[in-house]
Amino acid sequence: MKIRIDFGHPYFEEKEILELAPDDLDRFYGDADEVDRLNLFFVLEASLHRFQGKNSMKAAARCAFLMAYYLFIALTPPASFELAEYYIDRALEWDETPEYRRWKKNIDEGN
């Protein structure tokens, strides 16, 4: 899926977030400039809050998982381990899946 940053619509719709995969984030990170690489995280964050407000917990979980992945693999900011761990734990709390469980294990091994 092609990701675009749109300041007029700064969040993902539920259908979009459920279709997004880590590979999509990797492609975006490879193609985007530094500002949009960071902006993607904030679009994910805004989407997460929106899904929580609508009580769309499966979409919120997917968003939290993607945030954990993006923080841990692509952005790697200071405290990326702690931040990724926080988001993957939320994803598992809201929707326990084998994919999220595998990433929890990867994150727990450290970067």
PDB file of N, CA and C in Angstrom:
ATOM      1  N   MET A   1       0.838  -1.174   0.000  1.00  0.00           N
ATOM      2  CA  MET A   1       0.000   0.000   0.000  1.00  0.00           C
ATOM      3  C   MET A   1       0.888   1.244   0.000  1.00  0.00           C
ATOM      4  N   LYS A   2       0.560   2.199  -0.811  1.00  0.00           N
ATOM      5  CA  LYS A   2       1.320   3.450  -0.884  1.00  0.00           C
ATOM      6  C   LYS A   2       0.830   4.385   0.222  1.00  0.00           C
ATOM      7  N   ILE A   3       1.751   4.881   1.013  1.00  0.00           N
ATOM      8  CA  ILE A   3       1.440   5.784   2.117  1.00  0.00           C
ATOM      9  C   ILE A   3       1.735   7.210   1.673  1.00  0.00           C
ATOM     10  N   ARG A   4       0.790   8.107   1.962  1.00  0.00           N
ATOM     11  CA  ARG A   4       1.002   9.533   1.691  1.00  0.00           C
ATOM     12  C   ARG A   4       0.647  10.326   2.938  1.00  0.00           C
ATOM     13  N   ILE A   5       1.422  11.364   3.205  1.00  0.00           N
ATOM     14  CA  ILE A   5       1.140  12.270   4.311  1.00  0.00           C
ATOM     15  C   ILE A   5       0.243  13.379   3.768  1.00  0.00           C
ATOM     16  N   ASP A   6      -0.911  13.569   4.397  1.00  0.00           N
ATOM     17  CA  ASP A   6      -1.874  14.577   3.970  1.00  0.00           C
ATOM     18  C   ASP A   6      -2.280  15.387   5.199  1.00  0.00           C
ATOM     19  N   PHE A   7      -1.809  16.633   5.280  1.00  0.00           N
ATOM     20  CA  PHE A   7      -2.102  17.457   6.450  1.00  0.00           C
ATOM     21  C   PHE A   7      -3.587  17.801   6.548  1.00  0.00           C
ATOM     22  N   GLY A   8      -4.327  17.690   5.449  1.00  0.00           N
ATOM     23  CA  GLY A   8      -5.759  17.922   5.487  1.00  0.00           C
ATOM     24  C   GLY A   8      -6.532  16.724   6.026  1.00  0.00           C
ATOM     25  N   HIS A   9      -5.892  15.584   6.073  1.00  0.00           N
ATOM     26  CA  HIS A   9      -6.489  14.334   6.561  1.00  0.00           C
ATOM     27  C   HIS A   9      -5.370  13.553   7.268  1.00  0.00           C
ATOM     28  N   PRO A  10      -4.961  14.019   8.456  1.00  0.00           N
ATOM     29  CA  PRO A  10      -3.753  13.492   9.114  1.00  0.00           C
ATOM     30  C   PRO A  10      -3.949  12.217   9.925  1.00  0.00           C
ATOM     31  N   TYR A  11      -4.675  11.266   9.373  1.00  0.00           N
ATOM     32  CA  TYR A  11      -4.854   9.979  10.044  1.00  0.00           C
ATOM     33  C   TYR A  11      -5.271   8.954   9.007  1.00  0.00           C
ATOM     34  N   PHE A  12      -5.166   7.713   9.389  1.00  0.00           N
ATOM     35  CA  PHE A  12      -5.570   6.610   8.524  1.00  0.00           C
ATOM     36  C   PHE A  12      -7.015   6.230   8.845  1.00  0.00           C
ATOM     37  N   GLU A  13      -7.717   5.800   7.838  1.00  0.00           N
ATOM     38  CA  GLU A  13      -9.044   5.231   8.055  1.00  0.00           C
ATOM     39  C   GLU A  13      -8.855   3.786   8.539  1.00  0.00           C
ATOM     40  N   GLU A  14      -9.886   3.243   9.149  1.00  0.00           N
ATOM     41  CA  GLU A  14      -9.787   1.897   9.718  1.00  0.00           C
ATOM     42  C   GLU A  14      -9.397   0.858   8.666  1.00  0.00           C
ATOM     43  N   LYS A  15     -10.020   0.905   7.514  1.00  0.00           N
ATOM     44  CA  LYS A  15      -9.709  -0.060   6.448  1.00  0.00           C
ATOM     45  C   LYS A  15      -8.236   0.039   6.046  1.00  0.00           C
ATOM     46  N   GLU A  16      -7.723   1.263   5.963  1.00  0.00           N
ATOM     47  CA  GLU A  16      -6.321   1.466   5.580  1.00  0.00           C
ATOM     48  C   GLU A  16      -5.374   0.889   6.621  1.00  0.00           C
ATOM     49  N   ILE A  17      -5.635   1.180   7.887  1.00  0.00           N
ATOM     50  CA  ILE A  17      -4.707   0.746   8.937  1.00  0.00           C
ATOM     51  C   ILE A  17      -4.692  -0.777   9.035  1.00  0.00           C
ATOM     52  N   LEU A  18      -5.840  -1.405   8.821  1.00  0.00           N
ATOM     53  CA  LEU A  18      -5.891  -2.865   8.900  1.00  0.00           C
ATOM     54  C   LEU A  18      -5.176  -3.524   7.727  1.00  0.00           C
ATOM     55  N   GLU A  19      -5.014  -2.798   6.627  1.00  0.00           N
ATOM     56  CA  GLU A  19      -4.307  -3.326   5.455  1.00  0.00           C
ATOM     57  C   GLU A  19      -2.814  -3.001   5.458  1.00  0.00           C
ATOM     58  N   LEU A  20      -2.401  -2.029   6.254  1.00  0.00           N
ATOM     59  CA  LEU A  20      -0.983  -1.651   6.286  1.00  0.00           C
ATOM     60  C   LEU A  20      -0.133  -2.766   6.879  1.00  0.00           C
ATOM     61  N   ALA A  21       1.023  -2.961   6.284  1.00  0.00           N
ATOM     62  CA  ALA A  21       1.962  -3.986   6.748  1.00  0.00           C
ATOM     63  C   ALA A  21       3.313  -3.326   7.037  1.00  0.00           C
ATOM     64  N   PRO A  22       4.137  -3.969   7.833  1.00  0.00           N
ATOM     65  CA  PRO A  22       5.466  -3.430   8.099  1.00  0.00           C
ATOM     66  C   PRO A  22       6.252  -3.115   6.820  1.00  0.00           C
ATOM     67  N   ASP A  23       6.106  -3.930   5.794  1.00  0.00           N
ATOM     68  CA  ASP A  23       6.805  -3.655   4.529  1.00  0.00           C
ATOM     69  C   ASP A  23       6.395  -2.316   3.930  1.00  0.00           C
ATOM     70  N   ASP A  24       5.134  -1.931   4.106  1.00  0.00           N
ATOM     71  CA  ASP A  24       4.675  -0.632   3.621  1.00  0.00           C
ATOM     72  C   ASP A  24       5.403   0.497   4.345  1.00  0.00           C
ATOM     73  N   LEU A  25       5.596   0.326   5.648  1.00  0.00           N
ATOM     74  CA  LEU A  25       6.328   1.332   6.423  1.00  0.00           C
ATOM     75  C   LEU A  25       7.784   1.392   5.979  1.00  0.00           C
ATOM     76  N   ASP A  26       8.373   0.240   5.720  1.00  0.00           N
ATOM     77  CA  ASP A  26       9.768   0.198   5.258  1.00  0.00           C
ATOM     78  C   ASP A  26       9.927   0.918   3.921  1.00  0.00           C
ATOM     79  N   ARG A  27       9.009   0.664   2.991  1.00  0.00           N
ATOM     80  CA  ARG A  27       9.074   1.331   1.681  1.00  0.00           C
ATOM     81  C   ARG A  27       8.915   2.830   1.835  1.00  0.00           C
ATOM     82  N   PHE A  28       7.960   3.245   2.666  1.00  0.00           N
ATOM     83  CA  PHE A  28       7.753   4.672   2.891  1.00  0.00           C
ATOM     84  C   PHE A  28       9.030   5.300   3.447  1.00  0.00           C
ATOM     85  N   TYR A  29       9.603   4.675   4.460  1.00  0.00           N
ATOM     86  CA  TYR A  29      10.811   5.208   5.089  1.00  0.00           C
ATOM     87  C   TYR A  29      11.941   5.336   4.067  1.00  0.00           C
ATOM     88  N   GLY A  30      12.082   4.371   3.185  1.00  0.00           N
ATOM     89  CA  GLY A  30      13.135   4.400   2.170  1.00  0.00           C
ATOM     90  C   GLY A  30      12.937   5.478   1.124  1.00  0.00           C
ATOM     91  N   ASP A  31      11.684   5.819   0.848  1.00  0.00           N
ATOM     92  CA  ASP A  31      11.372   6.782  -0.213  1.00  0.00           C
ATOM     93  C   ASP A  31      11.165   8.209   0.280  1.00  0.00           C
ATOM     94  N   ALA A  32      10.805   8.398   1.540  1.00  0.00           N
ATOM     95  CA  ALA A  32      10.406   9.708   2.058  1.00  0.00           C
ATOM     96  C   ALA A  32      11.603  10.543   2.494  1.00  0.00           C
ATOM     97  N   ASP A  33      11.363  11.846   2.585  1.00  0.00           N
ATOM     98  CA  ASP A  33      12.390  12.716   3.149  1.00  0.00           C
ATOM     99  C   ASP A  33      12.310  12.636   4.680  1.00  0.00           C
ATOM    100  N   GLU A  34      13.284  13.227   5.344  1.00  0.00           N
ATOM    101  CA  GLU A  34      13.393  13.094   6.798  1.00  0.00           C
ATOM    102  C   GLU A  34      12.161  13.619   7.533  1.00  0.00           C
ATOM    103  N   VAL A  35      11.602  14.719   7.078  1.00  0.00           N
ATOM    104  CA  VAL A  35      10.428  15.293   7.742  1.00  0.00           C
ATOM    105  C   VAL A  35       9.233  14.354   7.630  1.00  0.00           C
ATOM    106  N   ASP A  36       8.976  13.831   6.441  1.00  0.00           N
ATOM    107  CA  ASP A  36       7.844  12.918   6.289  1.00  0.00           C
ATOM    108  C   ASP A  36       8.064  11.603   7.020  1.00  0.00           C
ATOM    109  N   ARG A  37       9.296  11.181   7.148  1.00  0.00           N
ATOM    110  CA  ARG A  37       9.571   9.974   7.938  1.00  0.00           C
ATOM    111  C   ARG A  37       9.089  10.164   9.368  1.00  0.00           C
ATOM    112  N   LEU A  38       9.344  11.332   9.921  1.00  0.00           N
ATOM    113  CA  LEU A  38       8.885  11.639  11.279  1.00  0.00           C
ATOM    114  C   LEU A  38       7.383  11.892  11.303  1.00  0.00           C
ATOM    115  N   ASN A  39       6.876  12.578  10.294  1.00  0.00           N
ATOM    116  CA  ASN A  39       5.443  12.866  10.251  1.00  0.00           C
ATOM    117  C   ASN A  39       4.609  11.593  10.231  1.00  0.00           C
ATOM    118  N   LEU A  40       5.105  10.539   9.611  1.00  0.00           N
ATOM    119  CA  LEU A  40       4.350   9.285   9.584  1.00  0.00           C
ATOM    120  C   LEU A  40       4.062   8.792  10.996  1.00  0.00           C
ATOM    121  N   PHE A  41       5.021   8.916  11.875  1.00  0.00           N
ATOM    122  CA  PHE A  41       4.785   8.482  13.250  1.00  0.00           C
ATOM    123  C   PHE A  41       3.623   9.264  13.861  1.00  0.00           C
ATOM    124  N   PHE A  42       3.576  10.565  13.621  1.00  0.00           N
ATOM    125  CA  PHE A  42       2.516  11.383  14.208  1.00  0.00           C
ATOM    126  C   PHE A  42       1.160  11.113  13.568  1.00  0.00           C
ATOM    127  N   VAL A  43       1.142  10.745  12.300  1.00  0.00           N
ATOM    128  CA  VAL A  43      -0.107  10.333  11.654  1.00  0.00           C
ATOM    129  C   VAL A  43      -0.593   9.026  12.297  1.00  0.00           C
ATOM    130  N   LEU A  44       0.326   8.115  12.558  1.00  0.00           N
ATOM    131  CA  LEU A  44      -0.038   6.881  13.257  1.00  0.00           C
ATOM    132  C   LEU A  44      -0.560   7.188  14.661  1.00  0.00           C
ATOM    133  N   GLU A  45       0.094   8.104  15.356  1.00  0.00           N
ATOM    134  CA  GLU A  45      -0.327   8.481  16.709  1.00  0.00           C
ATOM    135  C   GLU A  45      -1.727   9.102  16.689  1.00  0.00           C
ATOM    136  N   ALA A  46      -1.971  10.018  15.762  1.00  0.00           N
ATOM    137  CA  ALA A  46      -3.296  10.639  15.644  1.00  0.00           C
ATOM    138  C   ALA A  46      -4.351   9.583  15.322  1.00  0.00           C
ATOM    139  N   SER A  47      -3.991   8.644  14.463  1.00  0.00           N
ATOM    140  CA  SER A  47      -4.916   7.566  14.106  1.00  0.00           C
ATOM    141  C   SER A  47      -5.238   6.709  15.321  1.00  0.00           C
ATOM    142  N   LEU A  48      -4.223   6.394  16.104  1.00  0.00           N
ATOM    143  CA  LEU A  48      -4.413   5.584  17.302  1.00  0.00           C
ATOM    144  C   LEU A  48      -5.435   6.240  18.228  1.00  0.00           C
ATOM    145  N   HIS A  49      -5.261   7.517  18.491  1.00  0.00           N
ATOM    146  CA  HIS A  49      -6.184   8.219  19.391  1.00  0.00           C
ATOM    147  C   HIS A  49      -7.600   8.249  18.815  1.00  0.00           C
ATOM    148  N   ARG A  50      -7.692   8.403  17.528  1.00  0.00           N
ATOM    149  CA  ARG A  50      -8.996   8.416  16.857  1.00  0.00           C
ATOM    150  C   ARG A  50      -9.692   7.055  16.996  1.00  0.00           C
ATOM    151  N   PHE A  51      -8.945   5.972  16.774  1.00  0.00           N
ATOM    152  CA  PHE A  51      -9.533   4.638  16.905  1.00  0.00           C
ATOM    153  C   PHE A  51      -9.948   4.353  18.343  1.00  0.00           C
ATOM    154  N   GLN A  52      -9.137   4.759  19.288  1.00  0.00           N
ATOM    155  CA  GLN A  52      -9.496   4.561  20.691  1.00  0.00           C
ATOM    156  C   GLN A  52     -10.785   5.316  21.023  1.00  0.00           C
ATOM    157  N   GLY A  53     -10.894   6.546  20.527  1.00  0.00           N
ATOM    158  CA  GLY A  53     -12.089   7.342  20.778  1.00  0.00           C
ATOM    159  C   GLY A  53     -13.348   6.728  20.195  1.00  0.00           C
ATOM    160  N   LYS A  54     -13.194   5.991  19.116  1.00  0.00           N
ATOM    161  CA  LYS A  54     -14.327   5.307  18.477  1.00  0.00           C
ATOM    162  C   LYS A  54     -14.518   3.901  19.028  1.00  0.00           C
ATOM    163  N   ASN A  55     -13.665   3.506  19.960  1.00  0.00           N
ATOM    164  CA  ASN A  55     -13.667   2.154  20.525  1.00  0.00           C
ATOM    165  C   ASN A  55     -13.444   1.091  19.443  1.00  0.00           C
ATOM    166  N   SER A  56     -12.649   1.432  18.434  1.00  0.00           N
ATOM    167  CA  SER A  56     -12.265   0.491  17.366  1.00  0.00           C
ATOM    168  C   SER A  56     -10.939  -0.145  17.777  1.00  0.00           C
ATOM    169  N   MET A  57     -11.017  -1.092  18.697  1.00  0.00           N
ATOM    170  CA  MET A  57      -9.810  -1.584  19.336  1.00  0.00           C
ATOM    171  C   MET A  57      -8.952  -2.474  18.435  1.00  0.00           C
ATOM    172  N   LYS A  58      -9.542  -3.155  17.487  1.00  0.00           N
ATOM    173  CA  LYS A  58      -8.731  -3.950  16.555  1.00  0.00           C
ATOM    174  C   LYS A  58      -7.871  -3.003  15.703  1.00  0.00           C
ATOM    175  N   ALA A  59      -8.461  -1.904  15.239  1.00  0.00           N
ATOM    176  CA  ALA A  59      -7.706  -0.910  14.464  1.00  0.00           C
ATOM    177  C   ALA A  59      -6.689  -0.210  15.357  1.00  0.00           C
ATOM    178  N   ALA A  60      -7.060   0.096  16.595  1.00  0.00           N
ATOM    179  CA  ALA A  60      -6.122   0.721  17.535  1.00  0.00           C
ATOM    180  C   ALA A  60      -4.938  -0.210  17.783  1.00  0.00           C
ATOM    181  N   ALA A  61      -5.207  -1.498  17.929  1.00  0.00           N
ATOM    182  CA  ALA A  61      -4.141  -2.469  18.149  1.00  0.00           C
ATOM    183  C   ALA A  61      -3.200  -2.526  16.944  1.00  0.00           C
ATOM    184  N   ARG A  62      -3.765  -2.527  15.749  1.00  0.00           N
ATOM    185  CA  ARG A  62      -2.937  -2.563  14.535  1.00  0.00           C
ATOM    186  C   ARG A  62      -2.068  -1.318  14.463  1.00  0.00           C
ATOM    187  N   CYS A  63      -2.655  -0.211  14.796  1.00  0.00           N
ATOM    188  CA  CYS A  63      -1.916   1.050  14.787  1.00  0.00           C
ATOM    189  C   CYS A  63      -0.778   1.006  15.814  1.00  0.00           C
ATOM    190  N   ALA A  64      -1.059   0.539  17.011  1.00  0.00           N
ATOM    191  CA  ALA A  64      -0.033   0.441  18.050  1.00  0.00           C
ATOM    192  C   ALA A  64       1.085  -0.508  17.622  1.00  0.00           C
ATOM    193  N   PHE A  65       0.720  -1.621  17.001  1.00  0.00           N
ATOM    194  CA  PHE A  65       1.724  -2.550  16.489  1.00  0.00           C
ATOM    195  C   PHE A  65       2.617  -1.870  15.454  1.00  0.00           C
ATOM    196  N   LEU A  66       2.003  -1.170  14.507  1.00  0.00           N
ATOM    197  CA  LEU A  66       2.786  -0.500  13.466  1.00  0.00           C
ATOM    198  C   LEU A  66       3.677   0.592  14.060  1.00  0.00           C
ATOM    199  N   MET A  67       3.182   1.272  15.075  1.00  0.00           N
ATOM    200  CA  MET A  67       4.001   2.287  15.752  1.00  0.00           C
ATOM    201  C   MET A  67       5.210   1.635  16.426  1.00  0.00           C
ATOM    202  N   ALA A  68       4.979   0.515  17.097  1.00  0.00           N
ATOM    203  CA  ALA A  68       6.086  -0.201  17.744  1.00  0.00           C
ATOM    204  C   ALA A  68       7.120  -0.613  16.708  1.00  0.00           C
ATOM    205  N   TYR A  69       6.651  -1.177  15.619  1.00  0.00           N
ATOM    206  CA  TYR A  69       7.551  -1.607  14.555  1.00  0.00           C
ATOM    207  C   TYR A  69       8.347  -0.425  13.997  1.00  0.00           C
ATOM    208  N   TYR A  70       7.638   0.634  13.665  1.00  0.00           N
ATOM    209  CA  TYR A  70       8.276   1.801  13.040  1.00  0.00           C
ATOM    210  C   TYR A  70       9.303   2.441  13.975  1.00  0.00           C
ATOM    211  N   LEU A  71       8.971   2.543  15.245  1.00  0.00           N
ATOM    212  CA  LEU A  71       9.922   3.090  16.221  1.00  0.00           C
ATOM    213  C   LEU A  71      11.155   2.209  16.358  1.00  0.00           C
ATOM    214  N   PHE A  72      10.935   0.922  16.428  1.00  0.00           N
ATOM    215  CA  PHE A  72      12.009  -0.021  16.724  1.00  0.00           C
ATOM    216  C   PHE A  72      12.907  -0.295  15.525  1.00  0.00           C
ATOM    217  N   ILE A  73      12.325  -0.377  14.330  1.00  0.00           N
ATOM    218  CA  ILE A  73      13.077  -0.760  13.135  1.00  0.00           C
ATOM    219  C   ILE A  73      13.541   0.440  12.326  1.00  0.00           C
ATOM    220  N   ALA A  74      12.663   1.372  12.037  1.00  0.00           N
ATOM    221  CA  ALA A  74      13.001   2.465  11.122  1.00  0.00           C
ATOM    222  C   ALA A  74      13.543   3.693  11.848  1.00  0.00           C
ATOM    223  N   LEU A  75      12.764   4.274  12.728  1.00  0.00           N
ATOM    224  CA  LEU A  75      13.162   5.546  13.339  1.00  0.00           C
ATOM    225  C   LEU A  75      14.302   5.404  14.345  1.00  0.00           C
ATOM    226  N   THR A  76      14.233   4.404  15.175  1.00  0.00           N
ATOM    227  CA  THR A  76      15.188   4.162  16.267  1.00  0.00           C
ATOM    228  C   THR A  76      15.621   5.437  16.991  1.00  0.00           C
ATOM    229  N   PRO A  77      14.647   6.176  17.554  1.00  0.00           N
ATOM    230  CA  PRO A  77      15.000   7.371  18.336  1.00  0.00           C
ATOM    231  C   PRO A  77      15.583   6.955  19.680  1.00  0.00           C
ATOM    232  N   PRO A  78      16.057   7.927  20.473  1.00  0.00           N
ATOM    233  CA  PRO A  78      16.457   7.588  21.832  1.00  0.00           C
ATOM    234  C   PRO A  78      15.283   6.897  22.540  1.00  0.00           C
ATOM    235  N   ALA A  79      15.571   5.896  23.304  1.00  0.00           N
ATOM    236  CA  ALA A  79      14.572   5.113  24.044  1.00  0.00           C
ATOM    237  C   ALA A  79      13.646   4.335  23.116  1.00  0.00           C
ATOM    238  N   SER A  80      14.116   3.995  21.924  1.00  0.00           N
ATOM    239  CA  SER A  80      13.257   3.272  20.977  1.00  0.00           C
ATOM    240  C   SER A  80      12.769   1.948  21.558  1.00  0.00           C
ATOM    241  N   PHE A  81      13.604   1.274  22.322  1.00  0.00           N
ATOM    242  CA  PHE A  81      13.188   0.006  22.929  1.00  0.00           C
ATOM    243  C   PHE A  81      11.998   0.217  23.859  1.00  0.00           C
ATOM    244  N   GLU A  82      12.110   1.175  24.770  1.00  0.00           N
ATOM    245  CA  GLU A  82      11.041   1.429  25.736  1.00  0.00           C
ATOM    246  C   GLU A  82       9.760   1.887  25.043  1.00  0.00           C
ATOM    247  N   LEU A  83       9.899   2.749  24.063  1.00  0.00           N
ATOM    248  CA  LEU A  83       8.725   3.234  23.330  1.00  0.00           C
ATOM    249  C   LEU A  83       8.061   2.102  22.550  1.00  0.00           C
ATOM    250  N   ALA A  84       8.865   1.322  21.852  1.00  0.00           N
ATOM    251  CA  ALA A  84       8.318   0.201  21.079  1.00  0.00           C
ATOM    252  C   ALA A  84       7.659  -0.806  22.006  1.00  0.00           C
ATOM    253  N   GLU A  85       8.279  -1.064  23.132  1.00  0.00           N
ATOM    254  CA  GLU A  85       7.704  -2.005  24.095  1.00  0.00           C
ATOM    255  C   GLU A  85       6.338  -1.518  24.597  1.00  0.00           C
ATOM    256  N   TYR A  86       6.229  -0.233  24.854  1.00  0.00           N
ATOM    257  CA  TYR A  86       4.953   0.323  25.299  1.00  0.00           C
ATOM    258  C   TYR A  86       3.865   0.067  24.252  1.00  0.00           C
ATOM    259  N   TYR A  87       4.155   0.379  22.999  1.00  0.00           N
ATOM    260  CA  TYR A  87       3.136   0.242  21.954  1.00  0.00           C
ATOM    261  C   TYR A  87       2.815  -1.219  21.629  1.00  0.00           C
ATOM    262  N   ILE A  88       3.810  -2.087  21.638  1.00  0.00           N
ATOM    263  CA  ILE A  88       3.507  -3.496  21.348  1.00  0.00           C
ATOM    264  C   ILE A  88       2.684  -4.104  22.491  1.00  0.00           C
ATOM    265  N   ASP A  89       2.945  -3.669  23.711  1.00  0.00           N
ATOM    266  CA  ASP A  89       2.130  -4.149  24.834  1.00  0.00           C
ATOM    267  C   ASP A  89       0.679  -3.701  24.693  1.00  0.00           C
ATOM    268  N   ARG A  90       0.449  -2.473  24.222  1.00  0.00           N
ATOM    269  CA  ARG A  90      -0.927  -2.002  23.992  1.00  0.00           C
ATOM    270  C   ARG A  90      -1.582  -2.831  22.887  1.00  0.00           C
ATOM    271  N   ALA A  91      -0.836  -3.089  21.818  1.00  0.00           N
ATOM    272  CA  ALA A  91      -1.386  -3.888  20.717  1.00  0.00           C
ATOM    273  C   ALA A  91      -1.839  -5.252  21.222  1.00  0.00           C
ATOM    274  N   LEU A  92      -1.007  -5.885  22.025  1.00  0.00           N
ATOM    275  CA  LEU A  92      -1.355  -7.203  22.557  1.00  0.00           C
ATOM    276  C   LEU A  92      -2.514  -7.141  23.544  1.00  0.00           C
ATOM    277  N   GLU A  93      -2.602  -6.065  24.285  1.00  0.00           N
ATOM    278  CA  GLU A  93      -3.700  -5.882  25.229  1.00  0.00           C
ATOM    279  C   GLU A  93      -5.043  -5.776  24.494  1.00  0.00           C
ATOM    280  N   TRP A  94      -5.031  -5.129  23.335  1.00  0.00           N
ATOM    281  CA  TRP A  94      -6.271  -4.862  22.612  1.00  0.00           C
ATOM    282  C   TRP A  94      -6.629  -5.937  21.594  1.00  0.00           C
ATOM    283  N   ASP A  95      -5.624  -6.676  21.103  1.00  0.00           N
ATOM    284  CA  ASP A  95      -5.895  -7.703  20.087  1.00  0.00           C
ATOM    285  C   ASP A  95      -4.693  -8.647  20.017  1.00  0.00           C
ATOM    286  N   GLU A  96      -4.747  -9.699  20.771  1.00  0.00           N
ATOM    287  CA  GLU A  96      -3.636 -10.659  20.824  1.00  0.00           C
ATOM    288  C   GLU A  96      -3.586 -11.453  19.521  1.00  0.00           C
ATOM    289  N   THR A  97      -2.521 -11.277  18.757  1.00  0.00           N
ATOM    290  CA  THR A  97      -2.345 -12.039  17.520  1.00  0.00           C
ATOM    291  C   THR A  97      -0.951 -12.656  17.514  1.00  0.00           C
ATOM    292  N   PRO A  98      -0.748 -13.721  16.751  1.00  0.00           N
ATOM    293  CA  PRO A  98       0.597 -14.311  16.656  1.00  0.00           C
ATOM    294  C   PRO A  98       1.617 -13.317  16.087  1.00  0.00           C
ATOM    295  N   GLU A  99       1.200 -12.494  15.146  1.00  0.00           N
ATOM    296  CA  GLU A  99       2.119 -11.499  14.571  1.00  0.00           C
ATOM    297  C   GLU A  99       2.601 -10.518  15.643  1.00  0.00           C
ATOM    298  N   TYR A 100       1.692 -10.013  16.445  1.00  0.00           N
ATOM    299  CA  TYR A 100       2.072  -9.066  17.500  1.00  0.00           C
ATOM    300  C   TYR A 100       2.932  -9.759  18.565  1.00  0.00           C
ATOM    301  N   ARG A 101       2.611 -10.998  18.886  1.00  0.00           N
ATOM    302  CA  ARG A 101       3.378 -11.761  19.878  1.00  0.00           C
ATOM    303  C   ARG A 101       4.815 -11.973  19.389  1.00  0.00           C
ATOM    304  N   ARG A 102       4.975 -12.295  18.081  1.00  0.00           N
ATOM    305  CA  ARG A 102       6.336 -12.466  17.515  1.00  0.00           C
ATOM    306  C   ARG A 102       7.128 -11.171  17.623  1.00  0.00           C
ATOM    307  N   TRP A 103       6.485 -10.053  17.330  1.00  0.00           N
ATOM    308  CA  TRP A 103       7.193  -8.779  17.409  1.00  0.00           C
ATOM    309  C   TRP A 103       7.515  -8.394  18.836  1.00  0.00           C
ATOM    310  N   LYS A 104       6.674  -8.768  19.759  1.00  0.00           N
ATOM    311  CA  LYS A 104       6.978  -8.535  21.180  1.00  0.00           C
ATOM    312  C   LYS A 104       8.284  -9.253  21.528  1.00  0.00           C
ATOM    313  N   LYS A 105       8.414 -10.478  21.056  1.00  0.00           N
ATOM    314  CA  LYS A 105       9.637 -11.242  21.312  1.00  0.00           C
ATOM    315  C   LYS A 105      10.849 -10.572  20.661  1.00  0.00           C
ATOM    316  N   ASN A 106      10.703 -10.121  19.419  1.00  0.00           N
ATOM    317  CA  ASN A 106      11.809  -9.421  18.732  1.00  0.00           C
ATOM    318  C   ASN A 106      12.213  -8.158  19.473  1.00  0.00           C
ATOM    319  N   ILE A 107      11.241  -7.402  19.890  1.00  0.00           N
ATOM    320  CA  ILE A 107      11.521  -6.151  20.619  1.00  0.00           C
ATOM    321  C   ILE A 107      12.204  -6.451  21.936  1.00  0.00           C
ATOM    322  N   ASP A 108      11.720  -7.472  22.647  1.00  0.00           N
ATOM    323  CA  ASP A 108      12.310  -7.819  23.939  1.00  0.00           C
ATOM    324  C   ASP A 108      13.769  -8.263  23.814  1.00  0.00           C
ATOM    325  N   GLU A 109      14.161  -8.732  22.643  1.00  0.00           N
ATOM    326  CA  GLU A 109      15.567  -9.109  22.431  1.00  0.00           C
ATOM    327  C   GLU A 109      16.464  -7.888  22.272  1.00  0.00           C
ATOM    328  N   GLY A 110      15.876  -6.724  22.041  1.00  0.00           N
ATOM    329  CA  GLY A 110      16.640  -5.469  21.972  1.00  0.00           C
ATOM    330  C   GLY A 110      17.124  -5.149  20.583  1.00  0.00           C
ATOM    331  N   ASN A 111      17.569  -3.890  20.431  1.00  0.00           N
ATOM    332  CA  ASN A 111      18.085  -3.477  19.115  1.00  0.00           C
ATOM    333  C   ASN A 111      19.494  -3.021  19.172  1.00  0.00           C
TER     334      ASN A 111
END
